[in-house]
Amino acid sequence: MQDEVLHLFHAATARWFRESFAEPTPAQLQGWPRIAAQESTLILAPTGSGKTLAAFLYAIDELIQRNGSGAESGGVHTLYLSPLKALANDIERNLDPPLEGIRA
């Protein structure tokens, strides 16, 4: 099941995911292809179903690819506006592992 969507990512991102998780969640399986196609995507799923990683891993992957290519960042890449400070803190905590763990 992983290879269905992990081929969308840089090798370093796919490797980190395989080492960190048994398999993508349904939210990730359905979300990543649409996000990769730059479609507006709304992911509705219960708490703990991988929504944060579904929403942000492709953006992190683009940064990894851009960094590896030597391309100029050109400013803001991803902007997240949180309606709650607690939610913003949770998302930051959930994104630290991929930001620290993915090495191109």
N, C-alpha and C. Protein backbone atom coordinates (compact mmCIF):
# COMPACT_ATOMS: atom_id res chain seq x y z
N MET A 1 0.82 -1.19 0.00
CA MET A 1 0.00 0.00 0.00
C MET A 1 0.86 1.26 0.00
N GLN A 2 2.02 1.20 0.67
CA GLN A 2 2.88 2.38 0.75
C GLN A 2 3.32 2.87 -0.62
N ASP A 3 3.70 1.93 -1.48
CA ASP A 3 4.24 2.33 -2.78
C ASP A 3 3.22 3.03 -3.65
N GLU A 4 1.93 2.85 -3.33
CA GLU A 4 0.88 3.55 -4.08
C GLU A 4 1.07 5.06 -4.02
N VAL A 5 1.54 5.57 -2.89
CA VAL A 5 1.67 7.02 -2.73
C VAL A 5 3.09 7.49 -2.44
N LEU A 6 3.93 6.66 -1.89
CA LEU A 6 5.27 7.12 -1.52
C LEU A 6 6.14 7.43 -2.73
N HIS A 7 5.77 6.93 -3.90
CA HIS A 7 6.53 7.28 -5.11
C HIS A 7 6.39 8.77 -5.44
N LEU A 8 5.41 9.44 -4.82
CA LEU A 8 5.20 10.87 -5.04
C LEU A 8 6.27 11.73 -4.37
N PHE A 9 7.01 11.13 -3.43
CA PHE A 9 7.94 11.87 -2.59
C PHE A 9 9.39 11.62 -2.98
N HIS A 10 10.25 12.56 -2.58
CA HIS A 10 11.70 12.41 -2.69
C HIS A 10 12.10 11.15 -1.93
N ALA A 11 13.17 10.50 -2.36
CA ALA A 11 13.61 9.25 -1.74
C ALA A 11 13.86 9.41 -0.24
N ALA A 12 14.41 10.54 0.19
CA ALA A 12 14.68 10.75 1.62
C ALA A 12 13.39 10.83 2.41
N THR A 13 12.37 11.46 1.86
CA THR A 13 11.08 11.58 2.53
C THR A 13 10.41 10.21 2.62
N ALA A 14 10.40 9.48 1.52
CA ALA A 14 9.80 8.14 1.50
C ALA A 14 10.52 7.22 2.48
N ARG A 15 11.84 7.30 2.54
CA ARG A 15 12.62 6.47 3.46
C ARG A 15 12.25 6.80 4.91
N TRP A 16 12.18 8.10 5.24
CA TRP A 16 11.80 8.49 6.60
C TRP A 16 10.42 7.94 6.94
N PHE A 17 9.47 8.04 6.02
CA PHE A 17 8.12 7.56 6.30
C PHE A 17 8.13 6.05 6.55
N ARG A 18 8.81 5.30 5.68
CA ARG A 18 8.87 3.83 5.85
C ARG A 18 9.49 3.44 7.18
N GLU A 19 10.50 4.19 7.61
CA GLU A 19 11.17 3.89 8.88
C GLU A 19 10.33 4.30 10.09
N SER A 20 9.38 5.21 9.89
CA SER A 20 8.62 5.77 11.00
C SER A 20 7.23 5.17 11.16
N PHE A 21 6.64 4.66 10.08
CA PHE A 21 5.26 4.19 10.11
C PHE A 21 5.12 2.87 9.37
N ALA A 22 4.16 2.06 9.80
CA ALA A 22 3.91 0.78 9.14
C ALA A 22 3.31 1.00 7.75
N GLU A 23 2.38 1.93 7.65
CA GLU A 23 1.74 2.22 6.37
C GLU A 23 1.00 3.54 6.46
N PRO A 24 0.71 4.15 5.32
CA PRO A 24 -0.06 5.39 5.32
C PRO A 24 -1.49 5.14 5.80
N THR A 25 -2.07 6.15 6.41
CA THR A 25 -3.47 6.06 6.83
C THR A 25 -4.37 6.33 5.62
N PRO A 26 -5.65 6.00 5.73
CA PRO A 26 -6.57 6.31 4.62
C PRO A 26 -6.55 7.80 4.26
N ALA A 27 -6.46 8.68 5.25
CA ALA A 27 -6.42 10.12 4.96
C ALA A 27 -5.20 10.47 4.12
N GLN A 28 -4.08 9.84 4.42
CA GLN A 28 -2.85 10.09 3.66
C GLN A 28 -2.92 9.48 2.26
N LEU A 29 -3.43 8.26 2.17
CA LEU A 29 -3.55 7.59 0.87
C LEU A 29 -4.43 8.39 -0.09
N GLN A 30 -5.49 8.97 0.44
CA GLN A 30 -6.41 9.73 -0.41
C GLN A 30 -5.95 11.17 -0.62
N GLY A 31 -5.29 11.74 0.39
CA GLY A 31 -4.91 13.14 0.31
C GLY A 31 -3.67 13.43 -0.51
N TRP A 32 -2.62 12.63 -0.35
CA TRP A 32 -1.35 12.95 -1.00
C TRP A 32 -1.42 13.04 -2.52
N PRO A 33 -2.10 12.14 -3.22
CA PRO A 33 -2.15 12.31 -4.68
C PRO A 33 -2.83 13.61 -5.11
N ARG A 34 -3.84 14.02 -4.38
CA ARG A 34 -4.54 15.26 -4.71
C ARG A 34 -3.68 16.48 -4.39
N ILE A 35 -3.00 16.42 -3.25
CA ILE A 35 -2.10 17.51 -2.88
C ILE A 35 -0.96 17.60 -3.89
N ALA A 36 -0.40 16.46 -4.29
CA ALA A 36 0.68 16.45 -5.28
C ALA A 36 0.23 17.03 -6.62
N ALA A 37 -1.05 16.85 -6.93
CA ALA A 37 -1.61 17.39 -8.18
C ALA A 37 -2.02 18.85 -8.02
N GLN A 38 -1.71 19.43 -6.86
CA GLN A 38 -2.02 20.82 -6.53
C GLN A 38 -3.52 21.10 -6.57
N GLU A 39 -4.30 20.10 -6.19
CA GLU A 39 -5.75 20.27 -6.06
C GLU A 39 -6.05 20.80 -4.67
N SER A 40 -7.03 21.68 -4.56
CA SER A 40 -7.51 22.09 -3.24
C SER A 40 -8.06 20.84 -2.57
N THR A 41 -7.65 20.60 -1.34
CA THR A 41 -7.97 19.33 -0.69
C THR A 41 -8.48 19.58 0.72
N LEU A 42 -9.61 19.00 1.04
CA LEU A 42 -10.17 19.04 2.39
C LEU A 42 -10.13 17.62 2.93
N ILE A 43 -9.46 17.44 4.06
CA ILE A 43 -9.33 16.12 4.66
C ILE A 43 -10.16 16.08 5.94
N LEU A 44 -11.18 15.26 5.94
CA LEU A 44 -12.03 15.07 7.11
C LEU A 44 -11.77 13.68 7.66
N ALA A 45 -11.28 13.62 8.88
CA ALA A 45 -10.96 12.33 9.49
C ALA A 45 -10.89 12.52 11.00
N PRO A 46 -11.04 11.43 11.74
CA PRO A 46 -11.00 11.53 13.21
C PRO A 46 -9.62 11.93 13.73
N THR A 47 -9.58 12.37 14.96
CA THR A 47 -8.33 12.68 15.65
C THR A 47 -7.43 11.45 15.62
N GLY A 48 -6.15 11.69 15.36
CA GLY A 48 -5.18 10.60 15.36
C GLY A 48 -5.14 9.80 14.07
N SER A 49 -5.72 10.33 13.01
CA SER A 49 -5.79 9.58 11.75
C SER A 49 -4.75 10.02 10.73
N GLY A 50 -3.81 10.85 11.13
CA GLY A 50 -2.73 11.24 10.23
C GLY A 50 -3.00 12.46 9.37
N LYS A 51 -3.97 13.28 9.77
CA LYS A 51 -4.31 14.47 8.98
C LYS A 51 -3.16 15.46 8.89
N THR A 52 -2.48 15.70 10.01
CA THR A 52 -1.39 16.68 10.00
C THR A 52 -0.31 16.27 9.01
N LEU A 53 0.10 15.01 9.06
CA LEU A 53 1.12 14.54 8.12
C LEU A 53 0.57 14.50 6.70
N ALA A 54 -0.70 14.18 6.55
CA ALA A 54 -1.32 14.20 5.22
C ALA A 54 -1.25 15.60 4.64
N ALA A 55 -1.49 16.59 5.46
CA ALA A 55 -1.53 17.97 4.98
C ALA A 55 -0.14 18.57 4.76
N PHE A 56 0.82 18.22 5.60
CA PHE A 56 2.11 18.92 5.58
C PHE A 56 3.27 18.15 4.96
N LEU A 57 3.21 16.83 4.86
CA LEU A 57 4.39 16.09 4.40
C LEU A 57 4.78 16.46 2.98
N TYR A 58 3.80 16.70 2.11
CA TYR A 58 4.15 17.06 0.74
C TYR A 58 4.85 18.43 0.70
N ALA A 59 4.41 19.35 1.55
CA ALA A 59 5.06 20.66 1.61
C ALA A 59 6.49 20.52 2.13
N ILE A 60 6.69 19.68 3.14
CA ILE A 60 8.04 19.42 3.64
C ILE A 60 8.89 18.79 2.54
N ASP A 61 8.29 17.86 1.82
CA ASP A 61 8.99 17.19 0.73
C ASP A 61 9.43 18.18 -0.35
N GLU A 62 8.57 19.12 -0.68
CA GLU A 62 8.94 20.13 -1.67
C GLU A 62 10.14 20.95 -1.20
N LEU A 63 10.19 21.25 0.10
CA LEU A 63 11.35 21.97 0.64
C LEU A 63 12.61 21.13 0.53
N ILE A 64 12.50 19.82 0.80
CA ILE A 64 13.64 18.91 0.67
C ILE A 64 14.12 18.90 -0.78
N GLN A 65 13.19 18.78 -1.72
CA GLN A 65 13.56 18.74 -3.13
C GLN A 65 14.18 20.07 -3.58
N ARG A 66 13.60 21.16 -3.13
CA ARG A 66 14.11 22.48 -3.50
C ARG A 66 15.51 22.68 -2.94
N ASN A 67 15.73 22.26 -1.69
CA ASN A 67 17.03 22.38 -1.06
C ASN A 67 18.07 21.55 -1.81
N GLY A 68 17.69 20.35 -2.21
CA GLY A 68 18.61 19.47 -2.93
C GLY A 68 18.96 19.97 -4.32
N SER A 69 18.07 20.75 -4.91
CA SER A 69 18.31 21.25 -6.27
C SER A 69 19.13 22.53 -6.27
N GLY A 70 19.28 23.14 -5.09
CA GLY A 70 20.01 24.39 -5.01
C GLY A 70 19.19 25.59 -5.44
N ALA A 71 17.90 25.39 -5.68
CA ALA A 71 17.03 26.48 -6.12
C ALA A 71 16.83 27.49 -4.99
N GLU A 72 16.70 28.73 -5.36
CA GLU A 72 16.44 29.80 -4.40
C GLU A 72 15.05 29.60 -3.80
N SER A 73 14.93 29.79 -2.49
CA SER A 73 13.64 29.57 -1.83
C SER A 73 12.61 30.61 -2.24
N GLY A 74 13.02 31.84 -2.47
CA GLY A 74 12.10 32.85 -2.96
C GLY A 74 11.07 33.31 -1.96
N GLY A 75 11.25 33.08 -0.69
CA GLY A 75 10.32 33.60 0.31
C GLY A 75 9.47 32.52 0.94
N VAL A 76 8.24 32.90 1.25
CA VAL A 76 7.32 32.02 1.97
C VAL A 76 6.91 30.85 1.09
N HIS A 77 6.98 29.66 1.65
CA HIS A 77 6.57 28.45 0.92
C HIS A 77 5.23 27.95 1.42
N THR A 78 5.07 27.85 2.73
CA THR A 78 3.84 27.33 3.32
C THR A 78 3.42 28.24 4.45
N LEU A 79 2.17 28.60 4.47
CA LEU A 79 1.62 29.44 5.52
C LEU A 79 0.45 28.70 6.15
N TYR A 80 0.53 28.49 7.45
CA TYR A 80 -0.55 27.82 8.18
C TYR A 80 -1.09 28.79 9.21
N LEU A 81 -2.38 29.04 9.17
CA LEU A 81 -3.05 29.89 10.15
C LEU A 81 -3.89 29.00 11.04
N SER A 82 -3.60 29.02 12.32
CA SER A 82 -4.32 28.17 13.26
C SER A 82 -5.38 28.97 14.00
N PRO A 83 -6.57 28.39 14.14
CA PRO A 83 -7.60 29.09 14.90
C PRO A 83 -7.36 29.03 16.41
N LEU A 84 -6.47 28.14 16.85
CA LEU A 84 -6.21 27.97 18.28
C LEU A 84 -4.72 27.83 18.54
N LYS A 85 -4.23 28.48 19.59
CA LYS A 85 -2.82 28.36 19.95
C LYS A 85 -2.46 26.91 20.28
N ALA A 86 -3.35 26.22 20.98
CA ALA A 86 -3.08 24.82 21.35
C ALA A 86 -2.94 23.95 20.10
N LEU A 87 -3.76 24.20 19.10
CA LEU A 87 -3.66 23.43 17.85
C LEU A 87 -2.34 23.74 17.14
N ALA A 88 -1.95 24.99 17.11
CA ALA A 88 -0.67 25.36 16.50
C ALA A 88 0.49 24.66 17.21
N ASN A 89 0.43 24.58 18.54
CA ASN A 89 1.47 23.89 19.30
C ASN A 89 1.49 22.40 18.98
N ASP A 90 0.31 21.78 18.87
CA ASP A 90 0.23 20.36 18.52
C ASP A 90 0.83 20.10 17.15
N ILE A 91 0.51 20.96 16.20
CA ILE A 91 1.02 20.78 14.84
C ILE A 91 2.53 20.95 14.81
N GLU A 92 3.04 21.94 15.52
CA GLU A 92 4.49 22.11 15.59
C GLU A 92 5.15 20.85 16.16
N ARG A 93 4.59 20.32 17.24
CA ARG A 93 5.14 19.11 17.87
C ARG A 93 5.09 17.93 16.89
N ASN A 94 4.00 17.82 16.12
CA ASN A 94 3.86 16.71 15.18
C ASN A 94 4.76 16.84 13.95
N LEU A 95 5.17 18.05 13.64
CA LEU A 95 6.02 18.25 12.46
C LEU A 95 7.51 18.22 12.78
N ASP A 96 7.87 18.30 14.05
CA ASP A 96 9.29 18.23 14.41
C ASP A 96 9.94 16.92 13.94
N PRO A 97 9.31 15.74 14.14
CA PRO A 97 9.98 14.51 13.69
C PRO A 97 10.32 14.48 12.20
N PRO A 98 9.38 14.80 11.29
CA PRO A 98 9.80 14.77 9.89
C PRO A 98 10.81 15.86 9.54
N LEU A 99 10.68 17.03 10.15
CA LEU A 99 11.63 18.10 9.86
C LEU A 99 13.04 17.74 10.32
N GLU A 100 13.13 17.03 11.43
CA GLU A 100 14.44 16.61 11.95
C GLU A 100 14.92 15.32 11.29
N GLY A 101 13.98 14.44 10.93
CA GLY A 101 14.35 13.10 10.49
C GLY A 101 14.64 12.93 9.02
N ILE A 102 14.11 13.81 8.19
CA ILE A 102 14.31 13.66 6.74
C ILE A 102 15.63 14.31 6.36
N ARG A 103 16.49 13.51 5.80
CA ARG A 103 17.79 14.00 5.33
C ARG A 103 17.95 13.63 3.87
N ALA A 104 18.16 14.61 3.05
CA ALA A 104 18.30 14.35 1.61
C ALA A 104 19.67 13.76 1.31
